[in-house]
Amino acid sequence: MDGVGIIGAIIIGILAGWIAEKVMRRNHGLLTNLIVGVVGAFLGSFVATMLGFDTGSGVIPSLLTATAGAILLLFLLGLFQRRRA
């Protein structure tokens, strides 16, 4: 999340977590959305870098990367939860 600052990162994390929550048809609270969004941002940035994509800087690229990472995170968590049950 280059160039957005700490407040911007929090807002982007909440938005990314909320979007991922809706896409994956889950129901979380604000704090969980923030955590999923911020962890998703790191995960999305890591995966994009490993695949050779430039994630860019600014609000929109950060939101897209964080959302993609958050969706991937929720997908992976869903796989582990199904295995345990």
N, C-alpha and C. Protein backbone atom coordinates (compact mmCIF):
# COMPACT_ATOMS: atom_id res chain seq x y z
N MET A 1 0.84 -1.18 0.00
CA MET A 1 0.00 0.00 0.00
C MET A 1 0.88 1.24 0.00
N ASP A 2 1.59 1.38 -1.07
CA ASP A 2 2.52 2.50 -1.21
C ASP A 2 1.78 3.82 -1.39
N GLY A 3 2.20 4.83 -0.68
CA GLY A 3 1.72 6.18 -0.90
C GLY A 3 0.35 6.52 -0.36
N VAL A 4 -0.21 5.69 0.52
CA VAL A 4 -1.55 6.00 1.03
C VAL A 4 -1.55 6.40 2.49
N GLY A 5 -0.49 6.16 3.22
CA GLY A 5 -0.43 6.53 4.63
C GLY A 5 -1.16 5.53 5.51
N ILE A 6 -1.03 5.70 6.81
CA ILE A 6 -1.61 4.74 7.76
C ILE A 6 -3.14 4.80 7.76
N ILE A 7 -3.71 6.00 7.74
CA ILE A 7 -5.17 6.12 7.72
C ILE A 7 -5.73 5.57 6.41
N GLY A 8 -5.07 5.87 5.31
CA GLY A 8 -5.47 5.33 4.02
C GLY A 8 -5.39 3.81 3.99
N ALA A 9 -4.33 3.25 4.60
CA ALA A 9 -4.18 1.80 4.65
C ALA A 9 -5.30 1.16 5.46
N ILE A 10 -5.70 1.80 6.55
CA ILE A 10 -6.80 1.28 7.37
C ILE A 10 -8.10 1.31 6.58
N ILE A 11 -8.38 2.42 5.91
CA ILE A 11 -9.61 2.54 5.13
C ILE A 11 -9.62 1.54 3.97
N ILE A 12 -8.48 1.41 3.28
CA ILE A 12 -8.39 0.44 2.19
C ILE A 12 -8.54 -0.98 2.72
N GLY A 13 -7.95 -1.27 3.87
CA GLY A 13 -8.09 -2.59 4.48
C GLY A 13 -9.53 -2.92 4.81
N ILE A 14 -10.25 -1.96 5.38
CA ILE A 14 -11.66 -2.18 5.71
C ILE A 14 -12.47 -2.40 4.44
N LEU A 15 -12.24 -1.57 3.43
CA LEU A 15 -12.97 -1.72 2.16
C LEU A 15 -12.66 -3.05 1.48
N ALA A 16 -11.39 -3.41 1.44
CA ALA A 16 -11.00 -4.67 0.81
C ALA A 16 -11.59 -5.86 1.55
N GLY A 17 -11.56 -5.82 2.88
CA GLY A 17 -12.16 -6.89 3.67
C GLY A 17 -13.66 -6.98 3.46
N TRP A 18 -14.32 -5.83 3.36
CA TRP A 18 -15.77 -5.80 3.15
C TRP A 18 -16.13 -6.35 1.78
N ILE A 19 -15.38 -5.94 0.75
CA ILE A 19 -15.63 -6.44 -0.61
C ILE A 19 -15.40 -7.94 -0.66
N ALA A 20 -14.32 -8.41 -0.07
CA ALA A 20 -14.03 -9.84 -0.05
C ALA A 20 -15.12 -10.60 0.70
N GLU A 21 -15.61 -10.02 1.78
CA GLU A 21 -16.69 -10.63 2.56
C GLU A 21 -17.93 -10.82 1.70
N LYS A 22 -18.27 -9.81 0.91
CA LYS A 22 -19.46 -9.89 0.05
C LYS A 22 -19.25 -10.89 -1.09
N VAL A 23 -18.05 -10.87 -1.70
CA VAL A 23 -17.77 -11.79 -2.81
C VAL A 23 -17.80 -13.24 -2.33
N MET A 24 -17.25 -13.50 -1.16
CA MET A 24 -17.17 -14.86 -0.63
C MET A 24 -18.41 -15.25 0.18
N ARG A 25 -19.37 -14.36 0.25
CA ARG A 25 -20.65 -14.59 0.97
C ARG A 25 -20.42 -15.01 2.42
N ARG A 26 -19.65 -14.19 3.10
CA ARG A 26 -19.38 -14.38 4.53
C ARG A 26 -20.03 -13.23 5.29
N ASN A 27 -19.99 -13.31 6.61
CA ASN A 27 -20.54 -12.24 7.43
C ASN A 27 -19.60 -12.00 8.61
N HIS A 28 -18.82 -10.93 8.52
CA HIS A 28 -17.85 -10.57 9.55
C HIS A 28 -18.14 -9.18 10.06
N GLY A 29 -17.43 -8.82 11.11
CA GLY A 29 -17.56 -7.48 11.64
C GLY A 29 -16.49 -6.56 11.07
N LEU A 30 -16.52 -5.32 11.50
CA LEU A 30 -15.61 -4.29 11.02
C LEU A 30 -14.15 -4.64 11.31
N LEU A 31 -13.86 -5.08 12.52
CA LEU A 31 -12.48 -5.42 12.89
C LEU A 31 -11.96 -6.60 12.07
N THR A 32 -12.79 -7.62 11.88
CA THR A 32 -12.39 -8.77 11.07
C THR A 32 -12.16 -8.35 9.62
N ASN A 33 -13.01 -7.47 9.11
CA ASN A 33 -12.82 -6.97 7.74
C ASN A 33 -11.49 -6.24 7.63
N LEU A 34 -11.14 -5.44 8.62
CA LEU A 34 -9.87 -4.72 8.62
C LEU A 34 -8.70 -5.70 8.61
N ILE A 35 -8.75 -6.69 9.47
CA ILE A 35 -7.67 -7.67 9.56
C ILE A 35 -7.55 -8.46 8.26
N VAL A 36 -8.68 -8.92 7.73
CA VAL A 36 -8.67 -9.67 6.47
C VAL A 36 -8.14 -8.78 5.34
N GLY A 37 -8.54 -7.53 5.31
CA GLY A 37 -8.09 -6.62 4.27
C GLY A 37 -6.60 -6.32 4.33
N VAL A 38 -6.08 -6.08 5.51
CA VAL A 38 -4.66 -5.76 5.66
C VAL A 38 -3.80 -7.00 5.38
N VAL A 39 -4.18 -8.15 5.94
CA VAL A 39 -3.44 -9.37 5.65
C VAL A 39 -3.57 -9.72 4.17
N GLY A 40 -4.76 -9.49 3.61
CA GLY A 40 -4.97 -9.71 2.18
C GLY A 40 -4.10 -8.81 1.33
N ALA A 41 -3.85 -7.59 1.78
CA ALA A 41 -2.98 -6.68 1.04
C ALA A 41 -1.56 -7.23 0.96
N PHE A 42 -1.07 -7.74 2.09
CA PHE A 42 0.26 -8.35 2.08
C PHE A 42 0.29 -9.60 1.20
N LEU A 43 -0.73 -10.44 1.33
CA LEU A 43 -0.80 -11.66 0.54
C LEU A 43 -0.93 -11.34 -0.95
N GLY A 44 -1.80 -10.41 -1.30
CA GLY A 44 -1.98 -10.03 -2.69
C GLY A 44 -0.73 -9.43 -3.29
N SER A 45 -0.05 -8.59 -2.54
CA SER A 45 1.19 -7.99 -3.01
C SER A 45 2.27 -9.04 -3.20
N PHE A 46 2.36 -9.98 -2.27
CA PHE A 46 3.35 -11.05 -2.36
C PHE A 46 3.10 -11.92 -3.60
N VAL A 47 1.86 -12.34 -3.79
CA VAL A 47 1.52 -13.20 -4.93
C VAL A 47 1.74 -12.46 -6.25
N ALA A 48 1.32 -11.21 -6.31
CA ALA A 48 1.50 -10.43 -7.53
C ALA A 48 2.97 -10.27 -7.87
N THR A 49 3.79 -10.01 -6.87
CA THR A 49 5.22 -9.86 -7.08
C THR A 49 5.84 -11.17 -7.54
N MET A 50 5.42 -12.28 -6.94
CA MET A 50 5.95 -13.59 -7.33
C MET A 50 5.57 -13.95 -8.77
N LEU A 51 4.41 -13.47 -9.21
CA LEU A 51 3.96 -13.73 -10.59
C LEU A 51 4.51 -12.71 -11.58
N GLY A 52 5.24 -11.71 -11.07
CA GLY A 52 5.87 -10.73 -11.94
C GLY A 52 5.01 -9.53 -12.29
N PHE A 53 3.91 -9.31 -11.56
CA PHE A 53 3.04 -8.16 -11.80
C PHE A 53 3.49 -6.98 -10.96
N ASP A 54 3.35 -5.77 -11.50
CA ASP A 54 3.62 -4.55 -10.75
C ASP A 54 2.31 -4.11 -10.09
N THR A 55 2.31 -4.01 -8.77
CA THR A 55 1.08 -3.66 -8.07
C THR A 55 0.80 -2.17 -8.09
N GLY A 56 1.76 -1.36 -8.48
CA GLY A 56 1.54 0.08 -8.56
C GLY A 56 1.45 0.73 -7.20
N SER A 57 1.15 2.03 -7.21
CA SER A 57 1.00 2.76 -5.96
C SER A 57 -0.23 3.65 -6.06
N GLY A 58 -0.76 4.01 -4.92
CA GLY A 58 -1.96 4.83 -4.89
C GLY A 58 -3.15 4.05 -4.36
N VAL A 59 -4.29 4.70 -4.33
CA VAL A 59 -5.48 4.14 -3.70
C VAL A 59 -6.08 2.98 -4.51
N ILE A 60 -6.32 3.19 -5.79
CA ILE A 60 -7.00 2.18 -6.60
C ILE A 60 -6.16 0.90 -6.74
N PRO A 61 -4.89 0.99 -7.14
CA PRO A 61 -4.10 -0.25 -7.20
C PRO A 61 -3.98 -0.96 -5.85
N SER A 62 -3.87 -0.19 -4.78
CA SER A 62 -3.79 -0.78 -3.45
C SER A 62 -5.09 -1.48 -3.09
N LEU A 63 -6.21 -0.87 -3.41
CA LEU A 63 -7.51 -1.48 -3.13
C LEU A 63 -7.70 -2.76 -3.93
N LEU A 64 -7.33 -2.74 -5.21
CA LEU A 64 -7.46 -3.94 -6.05
C LEU A 64 -6.57 -5.08 -5.55
N THR A 65 -5.34 -4.76 -5.20
CA THR A 65 -4.41 -5.77 -4.69
C THR A 65 -4.88 -6.33 -3.36
N ALA A 66 -5.31 -5.44 -2.46
CA ALA A 66 -5.77 -5.88 -1.14
C ALA A 66 -7.04 -6.72 -1.26
N THR A 67 -7.94 -6.34 -2.14
CA THR A 67 -9.18 -7.10 -2.32
C THR A 67 -8.89 -8.49 -2.88
N ALA A 68 -8.04 -8.56 -3.89
CA ALA A 68 -7.68 -9.87 -4.46
C ALA A 68 -7.02 -10.75 -3.40
N GLY A 69 -6.13 -10.18 -2.62
CA GLY A 69 -5.48 -10.94 -1.56
C GLY A 69 -6.45 -11.36 -0.47
N ALA A 70 -7.40 -10.50 -0.13
CA ALA A 70 -8.39 -10.82 0.90
C ALA A 70 -9.31 -11.94 0.43
N ILE A 71 -9.69 -11.91 -0.85
CA ILE A 71 -10.53 -12.99 -1.40
C ILE A 71 -9.75 -14.30 -1.36
N LEU A 72 -8.48 -14.26 -1.75
CA LEU A 72 -7.65 -15.45 -1.70
C LEU A 72 -7.51 -15.97 -0.27
N LEU A 73 -7.32 -15.06 0.67
CA LEU A 73 -7.20 -15.44 2.08
C LEU A 73 -8.46 -16.13 2.58
N LEU A 74 -9.63 -15.55 2.29
CA LEU A 74 -10.89 -16.16 2.73
C LEU A 74 -11.12 -17.51 2.06
N PHE A 75 -10.73 -17.61 0.79
CA PHE A 75 -10.84 -18.89 0.08
C PHE A 75 -9.99 -19.96 0.76
N LEU A 76 -8.73 -19.62 1.06
CA LEU A 76 -7.83 -20.57 1.71
C LEU A 76 -8.32 -20.94 3.11
N LEU A 77 -8.80 -19.97 3.85
CA LEU A 77 -9.35 -20.26 5.19
C LEU A 77 -10.56 -21.18 5.09
N GLY A 78 -11.38 -20.98 4.07
CA GLY A 78 -12.53 -21.85 3.86
C GLY A 78 -12.13 -23.28 3.56
N LEU A 79 -11.05 -23.47 2.84
CA LEU A 79 -10.56 -24.83 2.57
C LEU A 79 -10.13 -25.53 3.85
N PHE A 80 -9.43 -24.81 4.73
CA PHE A 80 -8.97 -25.40 5.98
C PHE A 80 -10.13 -25.68 6.93
N GLN A 81 -11.14 -24.82 6.93
CA GLN A 81 -12.28 -25.04 7.82
C GLN A 81 -13.09 -26.25 7.37
N ARG A 82 -13.21 -26.49 6.08
CA ARG A 82 -13.94 -27.65 5.58
C ARG A 82 -13.20 -28.95 5.90
N ARG A 83 -11.89 -28.89 5.88
CA ARG A 83 -11.11 -30.09 6.19
C ARG A 83 -11.29 -30.53 7.62
N ARG A 84 -11.37 -29.58 8.53
CA ARG A 84 -11.50 -29.90 9.95
C ARG A 84 -12.87 -30.47 10.29
N ALA A 85 -13.88 -30.04 9.56
CA ALA A 85 -15.25 -30.47 9.90
C ALA A 85 -15.55 -31.88 9.47
